[in-house]
Protein backbone atom coordinates (compact mmCIF):
# COMPACT_ATOMS: atom_id res chain seq x y z
CA MET A 1 -10.71 40.99 12.99
CA ASP A 2 -8.55 38.85 15.25
CA ILE A 3 -6.99 35.62 14.05
CA GLU A 4 -9.25 32.69 14.89
CA VAL A 5 -8.01 29.11 15.11
CA THR A 6 -10.27 26.07 14.87
CA PRO A 7 -8.49 22.74 15.44
CA THR A 8 -9.56 19.89 13.17
CA GLY A 9 -10.11 17.50 16.07
CA GLN A 10 -7.95 15.00 14.19
CA ALA A 11 -4.30 14.07 14.75
CA CYS A 12 -3.06 17.50 13.62
CA GLY A 13 -4.22 20.53 11.70
CA ALA A 14 -6.28 23.67 12.25
CA SER A 15 -8.31 26.13 10.19
CA VAL A 16 -7.27 29.78 10.47
CA THR A 17 -9.61 32.70 9.73
CA GLY A 18 -9.59 36.41 10.46
CA VAL A 19 -6.53 37.17 8.35
CA ASP A 20 -6.32 38.33 4.72
CA LEU A 21 -3.20 36.84 3.16
CA SER A 22 -3.49 39.07 0.08
CA GLN A 23 -2.34 41.91 2.35
CA ALA A 24 1.02 42.40 4.02
CA LEU A 25 1.10 40.99 7.54
CA THR A 26 2.52 42.69 10.61
CA GLY A 27 5.41 41.20 12.55
CA GLU A 28 2.98 40.42 15.36
CA GLN A 29 0.67 38.53 12.99
CA VAL A 30 3.55 36.52 11.53
CA ALA A 31 4.81 35.59 14.99
CA GLU A 32 1.32 34.45 15.99
CA LEU A 33 0.90 32.39 12.82
CA ARG A 34 4.28 30.74 13.34
CA ARG A 35 3.30 29.82 16.90
CA ILE A 36 0.00 28.35 15.67
CA TRP A 37 1.76 26.48 12.84
CA LEU A 38 4.29 24.88 15.17
CA GLU A 39 1.49 23.84 17.51
CA HIS A 40 -0.83 22.33 14.87
CA GLN A 41 1.70 21.35 12.15
CA VAL A 42 -0.81 21.90 9.33
CA LEU A 43 -2.78 25.13 8.83
CA ALA A 44 -5.60 25.76 6.35
CA PHE A 45 -6.56 29.32 5.43
CA PRO A 46 -9.94 29.13 3.64
CA GLY A 47 -11.55 31.89 1.60
CA GLN A 48 -8.35 33.52 0.32
CA THR A 49 -7.93 35.26 -3.04
CA LEU A 50 -4.22 35.15 -3.75
CA SER A 51 -1.95 36.03 -6.64
CA ASP A 52 1.42 34.34 -7.05
CA ASP A 53 2.97 37.51 -5.61
CA ASP A 54 0.81 37.06 -2.51
CA LEU A 55 1.77 33.40 -2.24
CA GLU A 56 5.46 34.21 -2.49
CA ARG A 57 5.22 37.03 0.05
CA PHE A 58 3.44 34.78 2.55
CA THR A 59 6.04 32.04 2.08
CA ARG A 60 8.90 34.44 2.80
CA TYR A 61 7.44 35.31 6.19
CA PHE A 62 8.43 31.84 7.38
CA GLY A 63 11.86 31.40 5.86
CA PRO A 64 13.83 31.58 2.63
CA PHE A 65 12.51 29.86 -0.46
CA GLY A 66 13.53 26.24 -0.60
CA GLU A 67 14.86 24.53 -3.70
CA ASP A 68 12.33 22.50 -5.70
CA PRO A 69 14.32 20.00 -7.75
CA PHE A 70 13.00 18.00 -10.70
CA ILE A 71 9.92 20.21 -11.25
CA LYS A 72 10.08 23.23 -13.53
CA PRO A 73 8.54 26.40 -12.05
CA ILE A 74 5.64 28.10 -13.77
CA SER A 75 6.36 30.70 -16.43
CA GLY A 76 7.72 33.97 -15.04
CA ARG A 77 8.44 32.57 -11.58
CA GLU A 78 11.42 30.98 -9.90
CA ASN A 79 9.74 29.70 -6.75
CA VAL A 80 6.20 28.64 -7.72
CA ILE A 81 5.45 25.23 -9.17
CA ALA A 82 2.13 23.92 -10.46
CA ILE A 83 0.61 20.77 -8.97
CA ARG A 84 -1.56 19.97 -11.95
CA ARG A 85 -3.61 17.11 -13.32
CA ASP A 86 -5.77 17.50 -16.41
CA ALA A 87 -9.23 15.98 -16.66
CA ASP A 88 -8.24 13.48 -19.35
CA GLU A 89 -4.90 12.51 -17.84
CA THR A 90 -4.11 8.81 -17.47
CA SER A 91 -0.62 8.94 -15.89
CA SER A 92 -0.11 7.74 -12.33
CA LEU A 93 -1.22 10.05 -9.54
CA PHE A 94 1.51 12.46 -8.46
CA ALA A 95 2.76 12.24 -4.85
CA GLU A 96 0.52 9.31 -3.91
CA SER A 97 3.22 7.77 -1.69
CA TRP A 98 3.75 9.01 1.87
CA HIS A 99 6.72 11.35 2.14
CA SER A 100 8.23 14.50 3.64
CA ASP A 101 9.02 16.95 0.85
CA TRP A 102 12.56 16.69 -0.51
CA SER A 103 13.90 14.83 2.53
CA PHE A 104 16.80 13.68 0.34
CA GLN A 105 18.32 17.18 0.43
CA ALA A 106 21.20 18.06 2.76
CA ALA A 107 18.97 20.70 4.39
CA PRO A 108 15.37 19.56 3.76
CA PRO A 109 12.70 22.28 3.65
CA ALA A 110 10.94 23.43 6.78
CA GLY A 111 7.53 23.65 5.17
CA THR A 112 5.35 23.72 2.09
CA CYS A 113 2.56 26.09 1.02
CA LEU A 114 -0.12 24.88 -1.41
CA TYR A 115 -2.89 27.11 -2.77
CA GLY A 116 -6.00 25.69 -4.44
CA LEU A 117 -6.94 27.27 -7.79
CA ARG A 118 -9.06 24.64 -9.60
CA ILE A 119 -10.45 22.07 -7.21
CA PRO A 120 -12.58 19.11 -8.35
CA PRO A 121 -16.03 18.65 -6.81
CA VAL A 122 -15.01 15.20 -5.56
CA GLY A 123 -11.79 13.52 -4.42
CA GLY A 124 -8.29 14.95 -4.30
CA ASP A 125 -7.95 15.09 -0.50
CA THR A 126 -4.49 15.43 1.02
CA LEU A 127 -3.61 13.21 3.98
CA PHE A 128 -1.20 14.26 6.73
CA ALA A 129 0.36 11.95 9.31
CA ASN A 130 1.63 13.40 12.60
CA GLN A 131 5.11 11.95 13.13
CA GLN A 132 5.62 13.38 16.58
CA LEU A 133 2.46 11.66 17.77
CA ALA A 134 3.48 8.47 15.97
CA LEU A 135 6.76 8.42 17.90
CA GLN A 136 5.13 9.27 21.22
CA ARG A 137 2.71 6.34 20.93
CA MET A 138 5.17 3.87 19.44
CA PRO A 139 5.65 0.56 21.28
CA ALA A 140 8.87 0.58 23.27
CA GLU A 141 10.17 -2.51 21.45
CA LEU A 142 9.87 -0.86 18.04
CA ARG A 143 11.36 2.42 19.24
CA ALA A 144 14.35 0.60 20.69
CA ARG A 145 15.10 -0.80 17.23
CA LEU A 146 15.03 2.71 15.74
CA GLU A 147 17.20 4.54 18.26
CA GLY A 148 20.42 5.76 16.74
CA LEU A 149 19.55 4.78 13.15
CA TRP A 150 20.65 7.01 10.30
CA ALA A 151 18.37 6.77 7.27
CA VAL A 152 19.67 7.00 3.71
CA HIS A 153 17.41 9.23 1.59
CA SER A 154 17.25 9.45 -2.19
CA ALA A 155 14.98 10.66 -4.99
CA MET A 156 16.02 7.79 -7.27
CA GLY A 157 12.72 5.92 -7.08
CA GLY A 158 10.78 8.90 -8.35
CA TYR A 159 12.96 11.25 -10.36
CA ALA A 160 15.80 9.22 -11.84
CA PRO A 161 15.45 8.67 -15.61
CA ASP A 162 14.14 5.15 -14.94
CA GLY A 163 12.04 6.21 -11.92
CA LEU A 164 8.30 6.56 -11.51
CA TYR A 165 8.34 10.08 -12.98
CA GLY A 166 11.24 9.36 -15.32
CA ASP A 167 11.65 9.40 -19.07
CA GLN A 168 8.91 6.86 -19.77
CA ASP A 169 6.41 8.83 -17.69
CA LYS A 170 7.39 12.11 -19.34
CA ALA A 171 6.83 10.61 -22.77
CA ALA A 172 3.33 9.53 -21.71
CA GLY A 173 2.19 13.16 -21.56
CA ARG A 174 1.97 14.01 -17.85
CA SER A 175 0.63 17.54 -17.40
CA MET A 176 3.08 18.48 -14.63
CA ALA A 177 6.46 19.88 -15.67
CA ILE A 178 8.60 17.13 -14.13
CA GLU A 179 12.21 16.94 -15.27
CA PRO A 180 13.91 13.64 -14.31
CA SER A 181 17.67 13.68 -13.84
CA GLU A 182 20.63 11.47 -13.04
CA SER A 183 21.15 13.72 -10.00
CA ALA A 184 18.25 11.87 -8.37
CA LEU A 185 20.61 8.95 -7.79
CA ALA A 186 22.44 10.89 -5.06
CA THR A 187 21.92 9.95 -1.41
CA GLN A 188 21.81 11.92 1.84
CA ARG A 189 21.77 10.66 5.44
CA HIS A 190 19.56 11.97 8.26
CA PRO A 191 18.76 10.59 11.72
CA LEU A 192 15.47 8.68 11.69
CA ILE A 193 14.49 10.12 15.07
CA ARG A 194 15.31 13.79 15.40
CA ARG A 195 14.28 16.82 17.41
CA HIS A 196 12.27 19.55 15.77
CA PRO A 197 14.71 22.47 15.36
CA GLU A 198 12.22 25.03 16.68
CA THR A 199 10.16 23.17 19.30
CA GLY A 200 12.60 20.49 20.42
CA VAL A 201 9.91 17.81 20.15
CA GLU A 202 11.17 14.46 18.92
CA GLY A 203 9.59 12.89 15.85
CA LEU A 204 10.16 10.44 13.03
CA PHE A 205 11.66 12.01 9.92
CA SER A 206 10.40 10.76 6.57
CA CYS A 207 9.59 7.22 5.47
CA LEU A 208 9.76 4.65 2.70
CA GLY A 209 8.78 7.27 0.12
CA TYR A 210 12.33 8.68 0.08
CA ILE A 211 14.26 6.48 2.54
CA VAL A 212 16.10 3.77 0.61
CA GLY A 213 17.90 2.11 3.51
CA PHE A 214 19.67 2.52 6.85
CA GLU A 215 23.35 3.13 7.34
CA GLY A 216 25.11 -0.09 8.35
CA MET A 217 22.06 -2.33 7.79
CA ALA A 218 21.63 -4.97 5.11
CA GLN A 219 19.17 -3.94 2.41
CA ASP A 220 16.74 -6.81 3.01
CA ALA A 221 16.57 -6.04 6.72
CA ALA A 222 16.23 -2.31 6.02
CA LEU A 223 13.33 -2.83 3.63
CA GLU A 224 11.57 -5.08 6.14
CA LEU A 225 11.97 -2.48 8.89
CA LEU A 226 10.89 0.38 6.61
CA THR A 227 7.74 -1.51 5.63
CA GLU A 228 6.90 -2.26 9.27
CA LEU A 229 7.61 1.33 10.24
CA LEU A 230 5.45 2.79 7.46
CA ALA A 231 2.50 0.75 8.67
CA TRP A 232 2.93 2.32 12.12
CA GLN A 233 3.64 5.87 10.89
CA THR A 234 0.41 6.02 8.90
CA ARG A 235 -2.05 4.43 11.32
CA PRO A 236 -5.51 6.11 11.16
CA GLU A 237 -5.14 7.68 14.62
CA PHE A 238 -2.16 9.73 13.39
CA ILE A 239 -3.86 11.13 10.27
CA TYR A 240 -5.64 14.33 9.32
CA ARG A 241 -7.56 14.32 6.03
CA HIS A 242 -7.74 17.72 4.37
CA ARG A 243 -10.68 18.26 2.00
CA TRP A 244 -9.84 20.99 -0.48
CA GLN A 245 -11.86 24.01 -1.55
CA ALA A 246 -10.80 26.59 -4.11
CA GLY A 247 -9.23 29.62 -2.44
CA THR A 248 -7.72 27.66 0.45
CA LEU A 249 -4.03 27.95 1.29
CA VAL A 250 -2.56 25.05 3.25
CA MET A 251 0.86 25.15 4.86
CA TRP A 252 2.48 22.19 6.57
CA ASP A 253 5.59 21.45 8.60
CA ASN A 254 7.76 18.91 6.77
CA ARG A 255 9.76 18.42 9.96
CA ALA A 256 6.72 17.08 11.80
CA VAL A 257 4.34 15.43 9.31
CA LEU A 258 4.23 13.11 6.33
CA HIS A 259 1.71 13.70 3.56
CA ARG A 260 0.31 12.07 0.46
CA ALA A 261 -2.12 12.89 -2.34
CA THR A 262 -5.31 10.95 -3.07
CA GLY A 263 -7.27 10.57 -6.30
CA GLY A 264 -10.94 10.02 -7.01
CA TYR A 265 -11.46 13.04 -9.30
CA GLU A 266 -11.17 11.43 -12.71
CA GLY A 267 -12.63 13.62 -15.46
CA HIS A 268 -11.92 16.86 -13.59
CA ASP A 269 -9.05 19.36 -13.83
CA ARG A 270 -7.06 20.03 -10.67
CA LEU A 271 -4.57 22.87 -10.25
CA LEU A 272 -2.73 24.16 -7.20
CA HIS A 273 0.30 26.43 -6.90
CA ARG A 274 3.04 25.45 -4.49
CA THR A 275 5.99 27.14 -2.81
CA THR A 276 8.61 25.68 -0.49
CA ILE A 277 9.77 27.17 2.80
CA GLY A 278 13.50 26.54 3.09
CA ALA A 279 15.30 25.45 6.22
CA ARG A 280 16.10 28.22 8.66
CA ASP A 281 19.50 28.65 10.30
CA THR A 282 18.21 26.66 13.30
CA ALA A 283 17.19 23.68 11.14
């Protein structure tokens, strides 16, 4: 069966069928999937039955494994982490803020793969915001204020010992294996507007979730600009809402989209396995 692509009709995203990801793919298939991924930014592969070996093999088609800091991998694996929330859990929702995965790294990951194992009957959608489209449609006045800015990224708000997922959160019994660290206080600079390393398309890179300021700008002014920018980046016309089903693998391009988790599944277990696609030499 040939690969079939069905666009979501929303700001980004497509469903891909006609390929069994539990089997090794040919070079031609991988090249086609990369082309489709770069075009649609988010791909959903429904109806898959995957082991962690399968998930890791698929990830490696698109680059090296990326580093996943602050979250312990599942037992017996180095590159698979569990995105988990137990039915009776009362801790704050994980990854509810808009972000691009690990943008605070010197070489942020190209993409993320997330495979649904236990999916609640309600809630738990993932939202994606197309940052190339957001830049293309941005008012000229706002874009002029962003040109040439270097953003300062950090994980301190989430993963420092006093952060959202810090020592107090860990003591509260969160089901995910989060390991806060003083290393989260480090910062890394990236241009706010940058070209995609594979397509050359300009887009906004990351947002208030990991950006803590702008180089050379007073903190009050930076926070005001970041808040204004976030409101633009996440306008409804830039968003694709993914509704999960068990057996679906979703991969997204961290260089082109933001994402965030949503709740609404209280009283239900939720479990997904995640891998990270590291930056390629061109990134």
